[in-house]
Structure formats: C-alpha cells, structure tokens
Amino acid sequence: EQCGGYFDFLTSDGQVIEGDKIVTLQAQQV
C-alpha cells in the first residue's frame, strides 16, 4: 500500500519478508 505493486516474499502466515520486486511476478499477479 505504501510503494505500490506487490510484495514478492511472504511467510507462511502472510508476513512480509523484505526484498526486491520481481517484474515477472508483479505482472503475473496482475
């Protein structure tokens, strides 16, 4: 919500693992 796009690294309960954004994964989620 802060920077736009999606978080590509998430724990089993959905917590964010800090990291970069992979263009392929961003586009495939869209």
PDB file of all heavy atoms in Angstrom:
ATOM      1  N   GLU A   1       0.816  -1.211   0.000  1.00  0.00           N
ATOM      2  CA  GLU A   1       0.000   0.000   0.000  1.00  0.00           C
ATOM      3  C   GLU A   1       0.850   1.261   0.000  1.00  0.00           C
ATOM      4  O   GLU A   1       0.411   2.315  -0.484  1.00  0.00           O
ATOM      5  CB  GLU A   1      -0.926   0.004   1.222  1.00  0.00           C
ATOM      6  CG  GLU A   1      -1.902  -1.164   1.274  1.00  0.00           C
ATOM      7  CD  GLU A   1      -3.005  -1.052   0.228  1.00  0.00           C
ATOM      8  OE1 GLU A   1      -3.010  -0.068  -0.536  1.00  0.00           O
ATOM      9  OE2 GLU A   1      -3.871  -1.949   0.187  1.00  0.00           O
ATOM     10  N   GLN A   2       2.057   1.195   0.506  1.00  0.00           N
ATOM     11  CA  GLN A   2       2.891   2.383   0.617  1.00  0.00           C
ATOM     12  C   GLN A   2       3.600   2.726  -0.690  1.00  0.00           C
ATOM     13  O   GLN A   2       3.600   3.889  -1.117  1.00  0.00           O
ATOM     14  CB  GLN A   2       3.933   2.181   1.721  1.00  0.00           C
ATOM     15  CG  GLN A   2       4.838   3.384   1.922  1.00  0.00           C
ATOM     16  CD  GLN A   2       5.825   3.170   3.055  1.00  0.00           C
ATOM     17  OE1 GLN A   2       5.708   2.233   3.840  1.00  0.00           O
ATOM     18  NE2 GLN A   2       6.824   4.050   3.143  1.00  0.00           N
ATOM     19  N   CYS A   3       4.182   1.722  -1.358  1.00  0.00           N
ATOM     20  CA  CYS A   3       5.008   1.987  -2.538  1.00  0.00           C
ATOM     21  C   CYS A   3       4.385   1.517  -3.844  1.00  0.00           C
ATOM     22  O   CYS A   3       4.900   1.820  -4.918  1.00  0.00           O
ATOM     23  CB  CYS A   3       6.384   1.322  -2.365  1.00  0.00           C
ATOM     24  SG  CYS A   3       7.340   1.984  -0.998  1.00  0.00           S
ATOM     25  N   GLY A   4       3.295   0.791  -3.770  1.00  0.00           N
ATOM     26  CA  GLY A   4       2.666   0.265  -4.973  1.00  0.00           C
ATOM     27  C   GLY A   4       3.198  -1.113  -5.331  1.00  0.00           C
ATOM     28  O   GLY A   4       4.231  -1.564  -4.833  1.00  0.00           O
ATOM     29  N   GLY A   5       2.466  -1.786  -6.194  1.00  0.00           N
ATOM     30  CA  GLY A   5       2.866  -3.134  -6.572  1.00  0.00           C
ATOM     31  C   GLY A   5       2.591  -4.140  -5.461  1.00  0.00           C
ATOM     32  O   GLY A   5       1.757  -3.909  -4.579  1.00  0.00           O
ATOM     33  N   TYR A   6       3.329  -5.235  -5.486  1.00  0.00           N
ATOM     34  CA  TYR A   6       3.099  -6.320  -4.547  1.00  0.00           C
ATOM     35  C   TYR A   6       4.403  -6.735  -3.869  1.00  0.00           C
ATOM     36  O   TYR A   6       5.492  -6.552  -4.412  1.00  0.00           O
ATOM     37  CB  TYR A   6       2.525  -7.548  -5.267  1.00  0.00           C
ATOM     38  CG  TYR A   6       1.373  -7.254  -6.184  1.00  0.00           C
ATOM     39  CD1 TYR A   6       1.504  -7.421  -7.560  1.00  0.00           C
ATOM     40  CD2 TYR A   6       0.155  -6.799  -5.680  1.00  0.00           C
ATOM     41  CE1 TYR A   6       0.449  -7.155  -8.420  1.00  0.00           C
ATOM     42  CE2 TYR A   6      -0.912  -6.530  -6.531  1.00  0.00           C
ATOM     43  CZ  TYR A   6      -0.761  -6.709  -7.898  1.00  0.00           C
ATOM     44  OH  TYR A   6      -1.797  -6.441  -8.742  1.00  0.00           O
ATOM     45  N   PHE A   7       4.253  -7.327  -2.685  1.00  0.00           N
ATOM     46  CA  PHE A   7       5.382  -7.958  -2.029  1.00  0.00           C
ATOM     47  C   PHE A   7       5.555  -9.361  -2.618  1.00  0.00           C
ATOM     48  O   PHE A   7       4.604 -10.135  -2.676  1.00  0.00           O
ATOM     49  CB  PHE A   7       5.153  -8.051  -0.520  1.00  0.00           C
ATOM     50  CG  PHE A   7       5.092  -6.714   0.167  1.00  0.00           C
ATOM     51  CD1 PHE A   7       3.899  -6.235   0.689  1.00  0.00           C
ATOM     52  CD2 PHE A   7       6.232  -5.930   0.292  1.00  0.00           C
ATOM     53  CE1 PHE A   7       3.827  -5.008   1.327  1.00  0.00           C
ATOM     54  CE2 PHE A   7       6.174  -4.685   0.927  1.00  0.00           C
ATOM     55  CZ  PHE A   7       4.978  -4.231   1.443  1.00  0.00           C
ATOM     56  N   ASP A   8       6.766  -9.695  -3.023  1.00  0.00           N
ATOM     57  CA  ASP A   8       7.030 -10.993  -3.650  1.00  0.00           C
ATOM     58  C   ASP A   8       7.545 -12.034  -2.668  1.00  0.00           C
ATOM     59  O   ASP A   8       7.736 -13.191  -3.048  1.00  0.00           O
ATOM     60  CB  ASP A   8       8.050 -10.837  -4.786  1.00  0.00           C
ATOM     61  CG  ASP A   8       7.459 -10.121  -5.986  1.00  0.00           C
ATOM     62  OD1 ASP A   8       6.235 -10.224  -6.186  1.00  0.00           O
ATOM     63  OD2 ASP A   8       8.207  -9.451  -6.720  1.00  0.00           O
ATOM     64  N   PHE A   9       7.781 -11.626  -1.426  1.00  0.00           N
ATOM     65  CA  PHE A   9       8.269 -12.563  -0.415  1.00  0.00           C
ATOM     66  C   PHE A   9       7.328 -12.508   0.789  1.00  0.00           C
ATOM     67  O   PHE A   9       7.221 -11.479   1.454  1.00  0.00           O
ATOM     68  CB  PHE A   9       9.690 -12.199   0.032  1.00  0.00           C
ATOM     69  CG  PHE A   9      10.698 -12.162  -1.080  1.00  0.00           C
ATOM     70  CD1 PHE A   9      10.838 -11.030  -1.880  1.00  0.00           C
ATOM     71  CD2 PHE A   9      11.527 -13.248  -1.321  1.00  0.00           C
ATOM     72  CE1 PHE A   9      11.774 -10.982  -2.903  1.00  0.00           C
ATOM     73  CE2 PHE A   9      12.466 -13.208  -2.342  1.00  0.00           C
ATOM     74  CZ  PHE A   9      12.595 -12.080  -3.134  1.00  0.00           C
ATOM     75  N   LEU A  10       6.640 -13.624   1.059  1.00  0.00           N
ATOM     76  CA  LEU A  10       5.676 -13.667   2.147  1.00  0.00           C
ATOM     77  C   LEU A  10       5.859 -14.952   2.956  1.00  0.00           C
ATOM     78  O   LEU A  10       6.089 -16.023   2.394  1.00  0.00           O
ATOM     79  CB  LEU A  10       4.244 -13.612   1.601  1.00  0.00           C
ATOM     80  CG  LEU A  10       3.847 -12.342   0.833  1.00  0.00           C
ATOM     81  CD1 LEU A  10       2.512 -12.541   0.131  1.00  0.00           C
ATOM     82  CD2 LEU A  10       3.794 -11.135   1.769  1.00  0.00           C
ATOM     83  N   THR A  11       5.747 -14.841   4.264  1.00  0.00           N
ATOM     84  CA  THR A  11       5.881 -16.008   5.129  1.00  0.00           C
ATOM     85  C   THR A  11       4.623 -16.874   5.043  1.00  0.00           C
ATOM     86  O   THR A  11       3.650 -16.532   4.362  1.00  0.00           O
ATOM     87  CB  THR A  11       6.090 -15.590   6.587  1.00  0.00           C
ATOM     88  OG1 THR A  11       4.886 -14.937   7.050  1.00  0.00           O
ATOM     89  CG2 THR A  11       7.272 -14.634   6.723  1.00  0.00           C
ATOM     90  N   SER A  12       4.637 -17.964   5.771  1.00  0.00           N
ATOM     91  CA  SER A  12       3.500 -18.886   5.753  1.00  0.00           C
ATOM     92  C   SER A  12       2.222 -18.248   6.263  1.00  0.00           C
ATOM     93  O   SER A  12       1.125 -18.640   5.859  1.00  0.00           O
ATOM     94  CB  SER A  12       3.824 -20.134   6.590  1.00  0.00           C
ATOM     95  OG  SER A  12       4.890 -20.853   6.016  1.00  0.00           O
ATOM     96  N   ASP A  13       2.350 -17.260   7.169  1.00  0.00           N
ATOM     97  CA  ASP A  13       1.150 -16.581   7.674  1.00  0.00           C
ATOM     98  C   ASP A  13       0.943 -15.218   7.035  1.00  0.00           C
ATOM     99  O   ASP A  13       0.154 -14.403   7.519  1.00  0.00           O
ATOM    100  CB  ASP A  13       1.196 -16.466   9.203  1.00  0.00           C
ATOM    101  CG  ASP A  13       2.385 -15.654   9.702  1.00  0.00           C
ATOM    102  OD1 ASP A  13       3.216 -15.233   8.864  1.00  0.00           O
ATOM    103  OD2 ASP A  13       2.484 -15.440  10.920  1.00  0.00           O
ATOM    104  N   GLY A  14       1.679 -14.938   5.943  1.00  0.00           N
ATOM    105  CA  GLY A  14       1.442 -13.727   5.177  1.00  0.00           C
ATOM    106  C   GLY A  14       2.251 -12.527   5.593  1.00  0.00           C
ATOM    107  O   GLY A  14       2.037 -11.431   5.059  1.00  0.00           O
ATOM    108  N   GLN A  15       3.190 -12.691   6.521  1.00  0.00           N
ATOM    109  CA  GLN A  15       4.037 -11.564   6.907  1.00  0.00           C
ATOM    110  C   GLN A  15       5.039 -11.261   5.792  1.00  0.00           C
ATOM    111  O   GLN A  15       5.497 -12.147   5.084  1.00  0.00           O
ATOM    112  CB  GLN A  15       4.776 -11.882   8.206  1.00  0.00           C
ATOM    113  CG  GLN A  15       3.862 -12.124   9.386  1.00  0.00           C
ATOM    114  CD  GLN A  15       2.981 -10.926   9.700  1.00  0.00           C
ATOM    115  OE1 GLN A  15       3.471  -9.808   9.851  1.00  0.00           O
ATOM    116  NE2 GLN A  15       1.677 -11.160   9.778  1.00  0.00           N
ATOM    117  N   VAL A  16       5.375  -9.994   5.659  1.00  0.00           N
ATOM    118  CA  VAL A  16       6.267  -9.567   4.587  1.00  0.00           C
ATOM    119  C   VAL A  16       7.719  -9.879   4.939  1.00  0.00           C
ATOM    120  O   VAL A  16       8.190  -9.579   6.037  1.00  0.00           O
ATOM    121  CB  VAL A  16       6.112  -8.063   4.318  1.00  0.00           C
ATOM    122  CG1 VAL A  16       7.141  -7.587   3.281  1.00  0.00           C
ATOM    123  CG2 VAL A  16       4.698  -7.755   3.839  1.00  0.00           C
ATOM    124  N   ILE A  17       8.418 -10.501   3.993  1.00  0.00           N
ATOM    125  CA  ILE A  17       9.860 -10.674   4.074  1.00  0.00           C
ATOM    126  C   ILE A  17      10.461  -9.603   3.171  1.00  0.00           C
ATOM    127  O   ILE A  17      10.198  -9.575   1.973  1.00  0.00           O
ATOM    128  CB  ILE A  17      10.279 -12.076   3.593  1.00  0.00           C
ATOM    129  CG1 ILE A  17       9.558 -13.161   4.408  1.00  0.00           C
ATOM    130  CG2 ILE A  17      11.798 -12.249   3.685  1.00  0.00           C
ATOM    131  CD1 ILE A  17       9.761 -14.563   3.851  1.00  0.00           C
ATOM    132  N   GLU A  18      11.249  -8.708   3.723  1.00  0.00           N
ATOM    133  CA  GLU A  18      11.749  -7.582   2.947  1.00  0.00           C
ATOM    134  C   GLU A  18      12.588  -8.064   1.766  1.00  0.00           C
ATOM    135  O   GLU A  18      13.385  -8.984   1.882  1.00  0.00           O
ATOM    136  CB  GLU A  18      12.589  -6.660   3.846  1.00  0.00           C
ATOM    137  CG  GLU A  18      11.767  -5.968   4.923  1.00  0.00           C
ATOM    138  CD  GLU A  18      12.599  -5.005   5.741  1.00  0.00           C
ATOM    139  OE1 GLU A  18      13.728  -4.688   5.324  1.00  0.00           O
ATOM    140  OE2 GLU A  18      12.113  -4.568   6.794  1.00  0.00           O
ATOM    141  N   GLY A  19      12.382  -7.419   0.627  1.00  0.00           N
ATOM    142  CA  GLY A  19      13.117  -7.811  -0.571  1.00  0.00           C
ATOM    143  C   GLY A  19      12.728  -6.953  -1.755  1.00  0.00           C
ATOM    144  O   GLY A  19      11.901  -6.034  -1.642  1.00  0.00           O
ATOM    145  N   ASP A  20      13.329  -7.250  -2.893  1.00  0.00           N
ATOM    146  CA  ASP A  20      13.036  -6.520  -4.119  1.00  0.00           C
ATOM    147  C   ASP A  20      11.734  -7.014  -4.747  1.00  0.00           C
ATOM    148  O   ASP A  20      11.084  -7.936  -4.234  1.00  0.00           O
ATOM    149  CB  ASP A  20      14.183  -6.695  -5.118  1.00  0.00           C
ATOM    150  CG  ASP A  20      15.451  -5.982  -4.672  1.00  0.00           C
ATOM    151  OD1 ASP A  20      15.337  -4.933  -4.015  1.00  0.00           O
ATOM    152  OD2 ASP A  20      16.552  -6.493  -4.963  1.00  0.00           O
ATOM    153  N   LYS A  21      11.375  -6.412  -5.870  1.00  0.00           N
ATOM    154  CA  LYS A  21      10.177  -6.799  -6.603  1.00  0.00           C
ATOM    155  C   LYS A  21      10.570  -7.362  -7.956  1.00  0.00           C
ATOM    156  O   LYS A  21      11.295  -6.719  -8.722  1.00  0.00           O
ATOM    157  CB  LYS A  21       9.225  -5.605  -6.746  1.00  0.00           C
ATOM    158  CG  LYS A  21       8.627  -5.177  -5.400  1.00  0.00           C
ATOM    159  CD  LYS A  21       7.790  -3.930  -5.475  1.00  0.00           C
ATOM    160  CE  LYS A  21       7.188  -3.637  -4.090  1.00  0.00           C
ATOM    161  NZ  LYS A  21       6.445  -2.357  -4.059  1.00  0.00           N
ATOM    162  N   ILE A  22      10.098  -8.567  -8.242  1.00  0.00           N
ATOM    163  CA  ILE A  22      10.426  -9.268  -9.473  1.00  0.00           C
ATOM    164  C   ILE A  22       9.375  -8.903 -10.520  1.00  0.00           C
ATOM    165  O   ILE A  22       8.182  -9.150 -10.313  1.00  0.00           O
ATOM    166  CB  ILE A  22      10.462 -10.787  -9.246  1.00  0.00           C
ATOM    167  CG1 ILE A  22      11.242 -11.118  -7.968  1.00  0.00           C
ATOM    168  CG2 ILE A  22      11.053 -11.485 -10.467  1.00  0.00           C
ATOM    169  CD1 ILE A  22      12.653 -10.596  -7.928  1.00  0.00           C
ATOM    170  N   VAL A  23       9.800  -8.313 -11.626  1.00  0.00           N
ATOM    171  CA  VAL A  23       8.848  -7.805 -12.620  1.00  0.00           C
ATOM    172  C   VAL A  23       7.943  -8.923 -13.133  1.00  0.00           C
ATOM    173  O   VAL A  23       6.728  -8.728 -13.294  1.00  0.00           O
ATOM    174  CB  VAL A  23       9.601  -7.124 -13.775  1.00  0.00           C
ATOM    175  CG1 VAL A  23       8.647  -6.797 -14.924  1.00  0.00           C
ATOM    176  CG2 VAL A  23      10.282  -5.850 -13.280  1.00  0.00           C
ATOM    177  N   THR A  24       8.502 -10.092 -13.400  1.00  0.00           N
ATOM    178  CA  THR A  24       7.682 -11.206 -13.894  1.00  0.00           C
ATOM    179  C   THR A  24       6.576 -11.548 -12.904  1.00  0.00           C
ATOM    180  O   THR A  24       5.410 -11.726 -13.296  1.00  0.00           O
ATOM    181  CB  THR A  24       8.558 -12.444 -14.149  1.00  0.00           C
ATOM    182  OG1 THR A  24       9.485 -12.153 -15.207  1.00  0.00           O
ATOM    183  CG2 THR A  24       7.712 -13.643 -14.549  1.00  0.00           C
ATOM    184  N   LEU A  25       6.906 -11.630 -11.615  1.00  0.00           N
ATOM    185  CA  LEU A  25       5.897 -11.977 -10.611  1.00  0.00           C
ATOM    186  C   LEU A  25       4.877 -10.866 -10.432  1.00  0.00           C
ATOM    187  O   LEU A  25       3.681 -11.137 -10.232  1.00  0.00           O
ATOM    188  CB  LEU A  25       6.573 -12.298  -9.279  1.00  0.00           C
ATOM    189  CG  LEU A  25       7.497 -13.509  -9.242  1.00  0.00           C
ATOM    190  CD1 LEU A  25       7.975 -13.779  -7.810  1.00  0.00           C
ATOM    191  CD2 LEU A  25       6.804 -14.751  -9.797  1.00  0.00           C
ATOM    192  N   GLN A  26       5.333  -9.613 -10.486  1.00  0.00           N
ATOM    193  CA  GLN A  26       4.395  -8.498 -10.395  1.00  0.00           C
ATOM    194  C   GLN A  26       3.370  -8.570 -11.530  1.00  0.00           C
ATOM    195  O   GLN A  26       2.160  -8.465 -11.314  1.00  0.00           O
ATOM    196  CB  GLN A  26       5.159  -7.176 -10.479  1.00  0.00           C
ATOM    197  CG  GLN A  26       6.173  -6.936  -9.370  1.00  0.00           C
ATOM    198  CD  GLN A  26       5.549  -6.515  -8.066  1.00  0.00           C
ATOM    199  OE1 GLN A  26       4.721  -5.600  -8.018  1.00  0.00           O
ATOM    200  NE2 GLN A  26       5.936  -7.156  -6.981  1.00  0.00           N
ATOM    201  N   ALA A  27       3.875  -8.770 -12.743  1.00  0.00           N
ATOM    202  CA  ALA A  27       2.989  -8.812 -13.910  1.00  0.00           C
ATOM    203  C   ALA A  27       2.075 -10.024 -13.877  1.00  0.00           C
ATOM    204  O   ALA A  27       0.894  -9.943 -14.248  1.00  0.00           O
ATOM    205  CB  ALA A  27       3.824  -8.815 -15.189  1.00  0.00           C
ATOM    206  N   GLN A  28       2.586 -11.154 -13.451  1.00  0.00           N
ATOM    207  CA  GLN A  28       1.763 -12.361 -13.426  1.00  0.00           C
ATOM    208  C   GLN A  28       0.662 -12.270 -12.381  1.00  0.00           C
ATOM    209  O   GLN A  28      -0.419 -12.835 -12.565  1.00  0.00           O
ATOM    210  CB  GLN A  28       2.644 -13.582 -13.199  1.00  0.00           C
ATOM    211  CG  GLN A  28       3.482 -13.932 -14.421  1.00  0.00           C
ATOM    212  CD  GLN A  28       4.349 -15.154 -14.229  1.00  0.00           C
ATOM    213  OE1 GLN A  28       4.563 -15.630 -13.112  1.00  0.00           O
ATOM    214  NE2 GLN A  28       4.875 -15.673 -15.331  1.00  0.00           N
ATOM    215  N   GLN A  29       0.913 -11.554 -11.288  1.00  0.00           N
ATOM    216  CA  GLN A  29      -0.167 -11.350 -10.315  1.00  0.00           C
ATOM    217  C   GLN A  29      -1.231 -10.413 -10.878  1.00  0.00           C
ATOM    218  O   GLN A  29      -2.430 -10.636 -10.663  1.00  0.00           O
ATOM    219  CB  GLN A  29       0.380 -10.824  -8.988  1.00  0.00           C
ATOM    220  CG  GLN A  29      -0.678 -10.811  -7.895  1.00  0.00           C
ATOM    221  CD  GLN A  29      -0.123 -10.652  -6.495  1.00  0.00           C
ATOM    222  OE1 GLN A  29      -0.881 -10.422  -5.555  1.00  0.00           O
ATOM    223  NE2 GLN A  29       1.172 -10.762  -6.319  1.00  0.00           N
ATOM    224  N   VAL A  30      -0.810  -9.385 -11.592  1.00  0.00           N
ATOM    225  CA  VAL A  30      -1.787  -8.525 -12.275  1.00  0.00           C
ATOM    226  C   VAL A  30      -2.619  -9.357 -13.236  1.00  0.00           C
ATOM    227  O   VAL A  30      -3.861  -9.263 -13.259  1.00  0.00           O
ATOM    228  CB  VAL A  30      -1.068  -7.390 -13.042  1.00  0.00           C
ATOM    229  CG1 VAL A  30      -2.069  -6.613 -13.903  1.00  0.00           C
ATOM    230  CG2 VAL A  30      -0.354  -6.451 -12.085  1.00  0.00           C
TER     231      VAL A  30
END
